[in-house]
Protein backbone atom coordinates (compact mmCIF):
# COMPACT_ATOMS: atom_id res chain seq x y z
CA UNK A 1 110.03 45.21 -39.49
CA UNK A 2 109.11 48.75 -38.28
CA UNK A 3 109.73 50.24 -41.79
CA UNK A 4 107.49 47.58 -43.35
CA UNK A 5 104.71 48.37 -40.89
CA UNK A 6 104.99 52.09 -41.60
CA UNK A 7 104.93 51.45 -45.40
CA UNK A 8 101.85 49.29 -45.01
CA UNK A 9 100.09 51.96 -42.92
CA UNK A 10 100.90 54.63 -45.57
CA UNK A 11 99.51 52.36 -48.29
CA UNK A 12 96.31 51.75 -46.36
CA UNK A 13 95.83 55.48 -45.74
CA UNK A 14 96.41 56.14 -49.47
CA UNK A 15 93.87 53.51 -50.47
CA UNK A 16 91.31 54.90 -47.98
CA UNK A 17 91.72 58.43 -49.27
CA UNK A 18 91.55 57.24 -52.88
CA UNK A 19 88.32 55.37 -52.17
CA UNK A 20 86.83 58.42 -50.43
CA UNK A 21 87.73 60.74 -53.32
CA UNK A 22 86.30 58.46 -56.00
CA UNK A 23 83.06 57.86 -54.14
CA UNK A 24 79.96 58.80 -56.10
CA UNK A 25 78.44 60.41 -52.97
CA UNK A 26 79.39 63.35 -50.81
CA UNK A 27 79.22 62.26 -47.21
CA UNK A 28 78.04 64.56 -44.45
CA UNK A 29 77.91 63.41 -40.80
CA UNK A 30 75.22 64.13 -38.24
CA UNK A 31 75.38 63.55 -34.50
CA UNK A 32 71.90 63.18 -33.06
CA UNK A 33 70.01 61.81 -30.06
CA UNK A 34 67.75 59.30 -31.84
CA UNK A 35 67.19 57.17 -28.73
CA UNK A 36 67.00 58.08 -25.06
CA UNK A 37 66.75 61.56 -23.67
CA UNK A 38 65.96 64.18 -26.33
CA UNK A 39 65.07 61.69 -29.04
CA UNK A 40 62.07 63.78 -30.09
CA UNK A 41 64.38 66.69 -30.87
CA UNK A 42 66.78 64.34 -32.61
CA UNK A 43 64.05 62.98 -34.91
CA UNK A 44 62.72 66.47 -35.71
CA UNK A 45 66.22 67.61 -36.52
CA UNK A 46 66.86 64.56 -38.69
CA UNK A 47 63.69 65.34 -40.59
CA UNK A 48 64.97 68.84 -41.26
CA UNK A 49 68.34 67.55 -42.48
CA UNK A 50 66.77 64.94 -44.74
CA UNK A 51 64.28 67.34 -46.25
CA UNK A 52 67.08 69.70 -47.25
CA UNK A 53 69.18 66.86 -48.62
CA UNK A 54 66.31 65.48 -50.65
CA UNK A 55 65.72 68.84 -52.28
CA UNK A 56 69.42 69.28 -53.09
CA UNK A 57 69.77 65.74 -54.46
CA UNK A 58 66.62 66.16 -56.56
CA UNK A 59 68.32 69.16 -58.17
CA UNK A 60 71.47 67.26 -59.03
CA UNK A 61 73.39 67.22 -55.73
CA UNK A 62 76.64 69.06 -55.04
CA UNK A 63 79.74 69.05 -57.25
CA UNK A 64 78.14 66.35 -59.41
CA UNK A 65 77.56 64.04 -56.43
CA UNK A 66 74.55 63.04 -54.38
CA UNK A 67 74.70 63.94 -50.67
CA UNK A 68 74.76 60.99 -48.30
CA UNK A 69 73.89 61.69 -44.67
CA UNK A 70 75.75 59.43 -42.26
CA UNK A 71 73.99 59.51 -38.89
CA UNK A 72 75.49 58.63 -35.50
CA UNK A 73 73.11 58.25 -32.59
CA UNK A 74 74.58 59.46 -29.31
CA UNK A 75 71.68 57.91 -27.30
CA UNK A 76 70.75 60.76 -24.95
CA UNK A 77 72.79 63.50 -23.37
CA UNK A 78 75.96 61.59 -22.42
CA UNK A 79 79.12 63.48 -23.34
CA UNK A 80 80.99 60.21 -23.68
CA UNK A 81 78.41 58.73 -26.08
CA UNK A 82 78.41 61.98 -28.08
CA UNK A 83 82.19 61.94 -28.51
CA UNK A 84 82.03 58.27 -29.40
CA UNK A 85 79.41 59.04 -32.08
CA UNK A 86 81.53 61.89 -33.39
CA UNK A 87 84.62 59.67 -33.55
CA UNK A 88 82.68 57.03 -35.51
CA UNK A 89 82.05 59.67 -38.20
CA UNK A 90 85.67 60.88 -38.17
CA UNK A 91 86.90 57.28 -38.71
CA UNK A 92 84.79 57.17 -41.89
CA UNK A 93 86.72 60.09 -43.28
CA UNK A 94 83.92 62.59 -42.81
CA UNK A 95 85.11 66.20 -42.40
CA UNK A 96 81.79 68.04 -41.93
CA UNK A 97 79.54 67.15 -38.98
CA UNK A 98 76.07 68.52 -38.23
CA UNK A 99 75.19 68.82 -34.56
CA UNK A 100 75.10 68.29 -31.70
CA UNK A 101 72.06 69.80 -30.03
CA UNK A 102 72.79 69.88 -26.30
CA UNK A 103 75.19 72.55 -24.98
CA UNK A 104 77.45 70.29 -22.81
CA UNK A 105 77.93 67.97 -25.77
CA UNK A 106 78.75 70.90 -28.07
CA UNK A 107 81.18 72.31 -25.48
CA UNK A 108 82.98 68.92 -25.37
CA UNK A 109 82.88 68.30 -29.12
CA UNK A 110 83.99 71.73 -30.41
CA UNK A 111 87.64 71.65 -29.25
CA UNK A 112 88.01 68.12 -30.61
CA UNK A 113 86.63 69.17 -34.00
CA UNK A 114 89.04 72.09 -33.98
CA UNK A 115 91.99 69.79 -33.39
CA UNK A 116 90.71 67.37 -36.09
CA UNK A 117 90.18 70.09 -38.70
CA UNK A 118 86.50 69.20 -39.02
CA UNK A 119 83.72 71.67 -39.65
CA UNK A 120 81.03 71.44 -36.90
CA UNK A 121 77.67 73.09 -37.58
CA UNK A 122 75.12 72.95 -34.79
CA UNK A 123 71.44 73.83 -35.34
CA UNK A 124 70.75 74.60 -31.68
CA UNK A 125 73.54 75.02 -29.15
CA UNK A 126 72.50 78.54 -28.13
CA UNK A 127 75.21 79.14 -25.56
CA UNK A 128 77.84 81.88 -25.43
CA UNK A 129 81.42 80.89 -26.26
CA UNK A 130 80.59 77.86 -28.37
CA UNK A 131 81.55 79.31 -31.77
CA UNK A 132 84.60 81.04 -30.36
CA UNK A 133 86.45 77.74 -30.00
CA UNK A 134 87.93 78.08 -33.51
CA UNK A 135 87.02 79.17 -37.06
CA UNK A 136 85.54 75.74 -37.86
CA UNK A 137 82.64 75.91 -35.33
CA UNK A 138 79.23 77.33 -36.27
CA UNK A 139 75.82 77.66 -34.63
CA UNK A 140 72.60 78.41 -36.58
CA UNK A 141 70.75 79.11 -33.35
CA UNK A 142 71.46 82.43 -31.55
CA UNK A 143 72.99 82.45 -28.10
CA UNK A 144 69.93 82.67 -25.85
CA UNK A 145 71.38 84.77 -23.04
CA UNK A 146 70.01 88.08 -24.36
CA UNK A 147 66.55 86.56 -24.80
CA UNK A 148 66.67 85.38 -21.22
CA UNK A 149 67.78 88.75 -19.94
CA UNK A 150 64.98 90.40 -21.96
CA UNK A 151 62.44 87.99 -20.49
CA UNK A 152 63.54 88.84 -16.96
CA UNK A 153 63.07 92.54 -17.68
CA UNK A 154 59.66 91.96 -19.26
CA UNK A 155 58.38 90.00 -16.29
CA UNK A 156 59.12 92.93 -14.01
CA UNK A 157 57.50 95.35 -16.46
CA UNK A 158 54.40 93.16 -16.49
CA UNK A 159 53.88 94.19 -12.87
CA UNK A 160 54.87 90.98 -11.03
CA UNK A 161 55.98 91.67 -7.48
CA UNK A 162 57.32 88.27 -6.36
CA UNK A 163 59.39 86.48 -8.96
CA UNK A 164 60.92 82.98 -8.84
CA UNK A 165 63.47 81.51 -11.25
CA UNK A 166 64.22 77.83 -11.65
CA UNK A 167 67.15 76.56 -13.69
CA UNK A 168 69.58 73.71 -13.46
CA UNK A 169 73.32 72.90 -13.42
CA UNK A 170 73.21 71.98 -17.11
CA UNK A 171 75.35 74.62 -18.86
CA UNK A 172 72.67 76.11 -21.19
CA UNK A 173 70.00 76.03 -18.46
CA UNK A 174 72.29 77.62 -15.94
CA UNK A 175 73.41 80.36 -18.37
CA UNK A 176 69.74 81.21 -19.12
CA UNK A 177 68.88 81.30 -15.39
CA UNK A 178 71.70 83.80 -14.95
CA UNK A 179 70.42 85.82 -17.87
CA UNK A 180 66.91 85.95 -16.50
CA UNK A 181 68.26 86.89 -13.05
CA UNK A 182 70.28 89.76 -14.58
CA UNK A 183 67.17 90.98 -16.36
CA UNK A 184 65.05 90.90 -13.24
CA UNK A 185 67.66 92.65 -11.15
CA UNK A 186 68.38 95.32 -13.79
CA UNK A 187 64.69 96.12 -13.89
CA UNK A 188 64.64 96.39 -10.07
CA UNK A 189 62.36 93.39 -9.67
CA UNK A 190 61.83 91.44 -6.44
CA UNK A 191 63.39 87.97 -6.77
CA UNK A 192 61.97 85.76 -4.03
CA UNK A 193 63.52 82.41 -5.15
CA UNK A 194 66.47 81.54 -7.36
CA UNK A 195 66.70 77.74 -7.59
CA UNK A 196 69.35 75.76 -9.48
CA UNK A 197 68.58 72.04 -9.53
CA UNK A 198 70.74 69.09 -10.49
CA UNK A 199 70.37 68.10 -14.13
CA UNK A 200 68.49 64.87 -13.60
CA UNK A 201 64.88 63.69 -13.22
CA UNK A 202 63.33 64.18 -9.80
CA UNK A 203 59.92 64.75 -8.27
CA UNK A 204 60.91 68.45 -7.58
CA UNK A 205 58.63 68.56 -4.58
CA UNK A 206 61.17 70.49 -2.47
CA UNK A 207 61.65 73.13 -5.19
CA UNK A 208 57.89 73.50 -5.77
CA UNK A 209 57.27 73.85 -2.03
CA UNK A 210 59.85 76.64 -1.80
CA UNK A 211 58.28 78.56 -4.67
CA UNK A 212 54.74 78.18 -3.34
CA UNK A 213 55.90 79.10 0.16
CA UNK A 214 57.51 82.25 -1.20
CA UNK A 215 54.14 83.24 -2.66
CA UNK A 216 55.63 83.81 -6.14
CA UNK A 217 53.27 85.46 -8.56
CA UNK A 218 55.57 84.72 -11.51
CA UNK A 219 57.79 81.68 -12.19
CA UNK A 220 60.43 81.77 -14.92
CA UNK A 221 61.63 78.37 -16.17
CA UNK A 222 65.01 77.83 -17.78
CA UNK A 223 65.34 74.15 -16.71
CA UNK A 224 64.39 72.97 -20.19
CA UNK A 225 65.08 69.28 -19.66
CA UNK A 226 62.65 68.72 -16.76
CA UNK A 227 60.57 71.90 -16.62
CA UNK A 228 57.38 69.96 -17.44
CA UNK A 229 57.71 68.02 -14.20
CA UNK A 230 58.28 71.21 -12.21
CA UNK A 231 55.31 72.93 -13.78
CA UNK A 232 53.03 70.03 -13.01
CA UNK A 233 54.29 69.86 -9.45
CA UNK A 234 53.73 73.60 -8.91
CA UNK A 235 50.12 73.40 -10.10
CA UNK A 236 49.53 70.34 -7.93
CA UNK A 237 50.88 72.33 -4.97
CA UNK A 238 48.38 75.11 -5.66
CA UNK A 239 50.55 77.68 -7.36
CA UNK A 240 48.52 80.28 -9.30
CA UNK A 241 51.63 82.07 -10.57
CA UNK A 242 51.98 83.18 -14.17
CA UNK A 243 54.51 80.92 -15.90
CA UNK A 244 57.22 82.30 -18.21
CA UNK A 245 59.49 80.04 -20.19
CA UNK A 246 62.74 80.29 -22.19
CA UNK A 247 61.86 77.99 -25.11
CA UNK A 248 59.01 75.47 -24.94
CA UNK A 249 58.72 72.56 -27.30
CA UNK A 250 55.89 70.12 -27.97
CA UNK A 251 57.34 67.35 -25.79
CA UNK A 252 57.69 69.54 -22.67
CA UNK A 253 54.35 71.20 -23.26
CA UNK A 254 52.61 67.84 -23.54
CA UNK A 255 54.55 66.40 -20.65
CA UNK A 256 53.26 69.19 -18.39
CA UNK A 257 49.73 67.92 -18.95
CA UNK A 258 48.16 71.37 -19.13
CA UNK A 259 50.34 73.06 -16.51
CA UNK A 260 51.83 75.37 -19.19
CA UNK A 261 48.42 76.61 -20.39
CA UNK A 262 48.66 80.42 -20.76
CA UNK A 263 52.43 80.37 -20.15
CA UNK A 264 54.37 83.08 -21.99
CA UNK A 265 57.42 81.96 -23.92
CA UNK A 266 60.38 83.73 -25.43
CA UNK A 267 62.20 81.93 -28.21
CA UNK A 268 64.20 82.16 -31.40
CA UNK A 269 62.11 79.36 -32.98
CA UNK A 270 60.39 81.23 -35.80
CA UNK A 271 60.16 79.04 -38.92
CA UNK A 272 58.86 80.64 -42.06
CA UNK A 273 55.30 79.94 -43.13
CA UNK A 274 56.60 78.40 -46.37
CA UNK A 275 58.86 75.98 -44.47
CA UNK A 276 56.08 75.02 -42.01
CA UNK A 277 53.81 74.15 -44.92
CA UNK A 278 56.55 72.15 -46.68
CA UNK A 279 57.64 70.29 -43.56
CA UNK A 280 54.12 69.36 -42.45
CA UNK A 281 53.28 68.13 -45.93
CA UNK A 282 56.40 65.98 -46.09
CA UNK A 283 56.11 64.42 -42.65
CA UNK A 284 52.39 64.85 -41.73
CA UNK A 285 53.59 66.15 -38.35
CA UNK A 286 53.59 69.45 -36.47
CA UNK A 287 56.86 71.27 -36.88
CA UNK A 288 58.93 71.58 -33.72
CA UNK A 289 62.09 73.12 -32.37
CA UNK A 290 65.26 72.59 -34.48
CA UNK A 291 63.60 71.38 -37.69
CA UNK A 292 64.06 74.77 -39.40
CA UNK A 293 67.64 75.41 -38.22
CA UNK A 294 68.61 71.84 -39.15
CA UNK A 295 67.33 72.46 -42.66
CA UNK A 296 69.21 75.76 -42.81
CA UNK A 297 72.40 74.08 -41.58
CA UNK A 298 72.42 71.83 -44.63
CA UNK A 299 71.45 74.67 -47.00
CA UNK A 300 74.22 76.93 -45.68
CA UNK A 301 76.74 74.11 -46.05
CA UNK A 302 75.54 73.42 -49.61
CA UNK A 303 75.87 77.14 -50.40
CA UNK A 304 79.44 77.11 -49.14
CA UNK A 305 80.41 73.98 -51.05
CA UNK A 306 78.84 75.32 -54.27
CA UNK A 307 80.48 78.76 -53.93
CA UNK A 308 83.97 77.36 -53.18
CA UNK A 309 83.64 74.28 -55.41
CA UNK A 310 85.31 72.43 -52.59
CA UNK A 311 84.72 70.18 -49.60
CA UNK A 312 87.89 71.35 -47.89
CA UNK A 313 86.96 72.27 -44.28
CA UNK A 314 89.03 75.46 -44.19
CA UNK A 315 87.56 76.77 -47.45
CA UNK A 316 84.03 75.96 -46.29
CA UNK A 317 84.64 77.64 -42.95
CA UNK A 318 86.20 80.74 -44.57
CA UNK A 319 83.12 81.10 -46.81
CA UNK A 320 80.68 80.71 -43.94
CA UNK A 321 82.62 83.28 -41.87
CA UNK A 322 82.36 85.73 -44.77
CA UNK A 323 78.57 85.69 -44.78
CA UNK A 324 76.72 88.71 -43.41
CA UNK A 325 73.08 87.69 -43.79
CA UNK A 326 70.97 84.74 -44.76
CA UNK A 327 67.20 84.28 -45.14
CA UNK A 328 66.01 80.72 -44.84
CA UNK A 329 63.63 78.32 -43.17
CA UNK A 330 64.35 79.73 -39.71
CA UNK A 331 63.86 83.39 -40.74
CA UNK A 332 66.36 86.18 -41.37
CA UNK A 333 69.77 85.55 -39.82
CA UNK A 334 72.57 88.06 -39.29
CA UNK A 335 76.00 86.52 -38.85
CA UNK A 336 78.66 87.72 -36.42
CA UNK A 337 82.38 87.43 -37.07
CA UNK A 338 82.77 84.21 -35.07
CA UNK A 339 80.29 81.91 -36.81
CA UNK A 340 77.26 82.66 -34.66
CA UNK A 341 73.99 84.27 -35.66
CA UNK A 342 71.65 86.94 -34.43
CA UNK A 343 67.91 87.07 -35.04
CA UNK A 344 64.82 88.69 -33.58
CA UNK A 345 63.15 86.80 -30.75
CA UNK A 346 59.47 85.89 -30.75
CA UNK A 347 56.87 85.62 -27.97
CA UNK A 348 54.51 82.68 -27.82
CA UNK A 349 51.86 81.37 -25.48
CA UNK A 350 49.88 78.13 -25.00
CA UNK A 351 46.19 78.29 -25.79
CA UNK A 352 44.07 75.15 -25.66
CA UNK A 353 47.32 73.15 -25.52
CA UNK A 354 48.61 74.71 -28.76
CA UNK A 355 51.72 76.94 -28.93
CA UNK A 356 50.74 80.15 -30.75
CA UNK A 357 52.10 83.64 -31.29
CA UNK A 358 51.71 86.10 -28.43
CA UNK A 359 51.81 89.85 -28.59
CA UNK A 360 53.14 91.06 -25.26
CA UNK A 361 51.72 94.37 -24.04
CA UNK A 362 54.04 96.24 -21.70
CA UNK A 363 52.35 97.72 -18.69
């Protein structure tokens, strides 16, 4: 009986593989938050993926096949939901997965993908150590720690005498808070408050009261998820401090209801003018964080598949690891030996509720 069961399982596996190999489409998976927390980022990213895939398919596809994007919604920032979404793609025989976006989810998913021999390409993790999990893990967004450290140094050089930092326990947000703190301290700045909140919604009255009470003349935000609430609360409490931010997107800017007006932002979000025009024409929407790197994730994968004439994960990974430079929708990227990228940071500000370029003058 046991031998018959084993034989049947082997036959089913063979039939599944045969069906996959004879499919007229090349399936790529994507793990995205399309509902719940972060859904605005998920939709923007999906648009970037789909735009790239449309262009590739219009030109004949890859290896004679059309690309089919198989999307799994992880419904917010739950690690359990993200792993469940990932597993749903794995069960469909998919061996290349795009995503995720949030650092804790990436940190949980990367070692699993390594064990499963699946290529994982994130457009936006931005945390140190992610791509070092194994040779199959890639990130098209630079690790943000150096940007955060630079921002801390710049705030001191701008002449601020009483600086507050607010981050959270979420891994990316905490790492950026530490980076900003290192920058402030290395520039001999005066840090009057260093606040790490829980990673959950709150009224943040206690935190705002501390910062106002410390008479901070500069506040640096790394608590991306809920920084709009904190910014609003600070202005309501009478803070006149200059706000500085590590990455600001449209959703958080709008959620702050004007509190981020004149804020100074450091970011690696620098889509090319050509891509902005193309994206806005296609979707009749303002381009936002992760659209460009999502597009580039697909284009880099397509380049690897075309060059190797293969969908084998190890061959794709080896090709991507061999790249030194790439110019795409997100600008000019320089690759490190681990599957991460480096690129120049940009400064931005908010003027009349619009995020625009900012040229920072050092005092």
